[in-house]
Protein backbone atom coordinates (compact mmCIF):
# COMPACT_ATOMS: atom_id res chain seq x y z
CA MET A 1 29.05 5.93 -16.53
CA PRO A 2 32.09 7.02 -14.55
CA PRO A 3 33.12 4.60 -11.78
CA ALA A 4 31.87 6.84 -8.95
CA ARG A 5 28.39 7.09 -10.45
CA HIS A 6 28.30 3.37 -11.07
CA LEU A 7 29.27 2.62 -7.47
CA LEU A 8 26.83 5.19 -6.10
CA SER A 9 23.96 3.84 -8.19
CA ARG A 10 24.63 0.38 -6.72
CA ALA A 11 24.85 1.81 -3.19
CA MET A 12 21.36 3.27 -3.56
CA VAL A 13 19.95 -0.25 -3.09
CA VAL A 14 21.27 -0.12 0.48
CA ALA A 15 20.35 3.54 1.01
CA ASN A 16 16.77 3.07 -0.23
CA PRO A 17 15.99 -0.53 0.75
CA ARG A 18 12.24 -0.04 1.09
CA GLY A 19 11.62 2.14 -1.94
CA ALA A 20 9.38 5.13 -1.39
CA GLY A 21 5.78 6.15 -1.27
CA ARG A 22 4.01 8.57 -3.56
CA ASP A 23 4.74 11.59 -1.34
CA ALA A 24 8.47 10.87 -1.22
CA VAL A 25 8.56 10.39 -4.99
CA LEU A 26 6.81 13.71 -5.56
CA GLU A 27 9.13 15.45 -3.09
CA GLY A 28 12.15 13.87 -4.79
CA VAL A 29 10.99 15.14 -8.18
CA GLU A 30 10.45 18.60 -6.68
CA ARG A 31 13.98 18.60 -5.22
CA ILE A 32 15.50 17.73 -8.60
CA ALA A 33 13.38 20.39 -10.30
CA ALA A 34 14.41 22.98 -7.69
CA ALA A 35 18.08 22.16 -8.35
CA GLY A 36 17.51 22.80 -12.05
CA SER A 37 18.30 19.35 -13.47
CA PRO A 38 19.30 15.88 -12.32
CA GLU A 39 22.94 16.76 -13.05
CA ASP A 40 22.65 19.94 -10.93
CA TYR A 41 21.15 17.91 -8.10
CA LEU A 42 24.07 15.46 -8.24
CA ARG A 43 26.56 18.35 -8.21
CA ALA A 44 24.86 19.87 -5.16
CA ALA A 45 24.91 16.52 -3.37
CA ALA A 46 28.64 16.14 -4.08
CA ARG A 47 29.39 19.75 -3.11
CA ASP A 48 27.48 19.48 0.16
CA GLY A 49 29.12 16.19 1.16
CA CYS A 50 26.14 13.94 0.65
CA VAL A 51 25.96 11.00 3.04
CA LEU A 52 23.53 8.31 2.04
CA MET A 53 22.66 6.87 5.41
CA PRO A 54 20.95 8.82 8.18
CA GLU A 55 22.65 9.53 11.52
CA PHE A 56 22.97 6.49 13.73
CA GLU A 57 22.29 6.76 17.49
CA GLY A 58 22.90 10.50 17.50
CA ALA A 59 26.40 10.26 16.00
CA ALA A 60 27.04 12.26 12.84
CA SER A 61 28.82 10.56 10.00
CA PRO A 62 32.57 11.19 9.89
CA VAL A 63 32.43 11.26 6.06
CA GLY A 64 30.71 14.61 5.67
CA GLU A 65 27.66 16.65 6.46
CA ILE A 66 24.31 14.97 6.35
CA PHE A 67 22.76 15.97 3.03
CA GLU A 68 19.20 16.10 4.32
CA SER A 69 19.35 12.34 4.63
CA THR A 70 15.62 11.85 4.36
CA PRO A 71 13.89 9.24 2.23
CA ALA A 72 12.94 11.95 -0.29
CA SER A 73 16.50 13.26 -0.63
CA ARG A 74 17.94 9.77 -1.02
CA LEU A 75 15.24 8.95 -3.56
CA ALA A 76 15.97 12.18 -5.46
CA LEU A 77 19.65 11.20 -5.54
CA GLU A 78 18.76 7.77 -6.90
CA MET A 79 16.44 9.23 -9.52
CA ALA A 80 19.09 11.75 -10.59
CA LEU A 81 21.68 8.99 -10.93
CA HIS A 82 19.43 6.82 -13.06
CA GLU A 83 18.03 9.61 -15.22
CA GLU A 84 21.03 9.53 -17.56
CA THR A 85 20.89 5.74 -17.86
CA GLU A 86 17.17 5.84 -18.62
CA ARG A 87 17.67 8.65 -21.14
CA ARG A 88 20.40 6.66 -22.91
CA ALA A 89 18.18 3.58 -22.99
CA LEU A 90 15.34 5.62 -24.44
CA ASP A 91 17.70 7.17 -27.01
CA GLY A 92 18.83 3.67 -27.96
CA GLU A 93 15.24 2.48 -28.36
CA LEU A 94 14.40 5.51 -30.46
CA ALA A 95 17.47 4.95 -32.63
CA MET A 96 16.44 1.32 -33.13
CA LEU A 97 12.89 2.35 -34.06
CA GLU A 98 14.26 4.97 -36.44
CA GLY A 99 16.43 2.31 -38.11
CA MET A 100 13.44 0.01 -38.48
CA TRP A 101 11.38 2.87 -39.94
CA ARG A 102 14.12 3.69 -42.48
CA GLU A 103 14.32 0.02 -43.49
CA ALA A 104 10.54 -0.12 -43.96
CA GLU A 105 10.68 3.05 -46.05
CA GLU A 106 13.42 1.52 -48.21
CA ILE A 107 11.40 -1.67 -48.74
CA ALA A 108 8.30 0.39 -49.61
CA SER A 109 10.33 2.44 -52.09
CA ILE A 110 11.57 -0.73 -53.80
CA ALA A 111 8.04 -2.16 -53.89
CA ASP A 112 6.74 1.09 -55.42
CA ARG A 113 9.23 0.76 -58.29
CA LEU A 114 8.25 -2.83 -59.13
CA PRO A 115 6.16 -3.22 -62.30
CA ASP A 116 2.52 -4.12 -61.91
CA LEU A 117 2.44 -7.59 -63.47
CA PRO A 118 -0.48 -9.95 -63.26
CA VAL A 119 -0.02 -12.83 -60.89
CA PRO A 120 0.91 -15.89 -62.99
CA GLU A 121 -1.15 -19.05 -62.85
CA PRO A 122 0.56 -21.78 -60.88
CA PRO A 123 1.98 -24.55 -63.06
CA ARG A 124 -0.29 -27.53 -63.56
CA MET A 125 0.66 -31.07 -64.25
CA ALA A 126 -0.88 -32.64 -67.31
CA VAL A 127 -2.07 -36.07 -66.34
CA SER A 128 -4.13 -38.24 -68.63
CA ALA A 129 -7.29 -39.79 -67.26
CA ALA A 130 -5.99 -43.31 -67.94
CA ARG A 131 -2.75 -42.69 -66.09
CA PHE A 132 -4.66 -41.09 -63.18
CA ARG A 133 -6.85 -44.21 -62.81
CA SER A 134 -3.87 -46.53 -62.85
CA GLU A 135 -2.04 -44.59 -60.14
CA CYS A 136 -5.01 -44.63 -57.78
């Protein structure tokens, strides 16, 4: 993750301290979908001068325009930032499962090539009855 994305993803804890309700989540998803993709949403936020925090006491932020600084827009930004991380994690899990599946297939293939031999009897100790009585 480039440094700016990493920093921004950490800043979202401050920008969205209370999380969001169902309606804000749905609106955030709709905003990302309307942009086309999470990456497109991030580009639009950067292009429009996204400011994470809302206006304070009527004063606009000197950093840039307010990018619809509503809970839903901030949540959409957070979701877009984490989408790539979640996708990579899922890809990693799938790769791990695929590796485990290939290993199981290899073991099954080896087992299929083994000859069908009867299970041998376990070895038995020959002990005479007289010796058995003396040891007890």
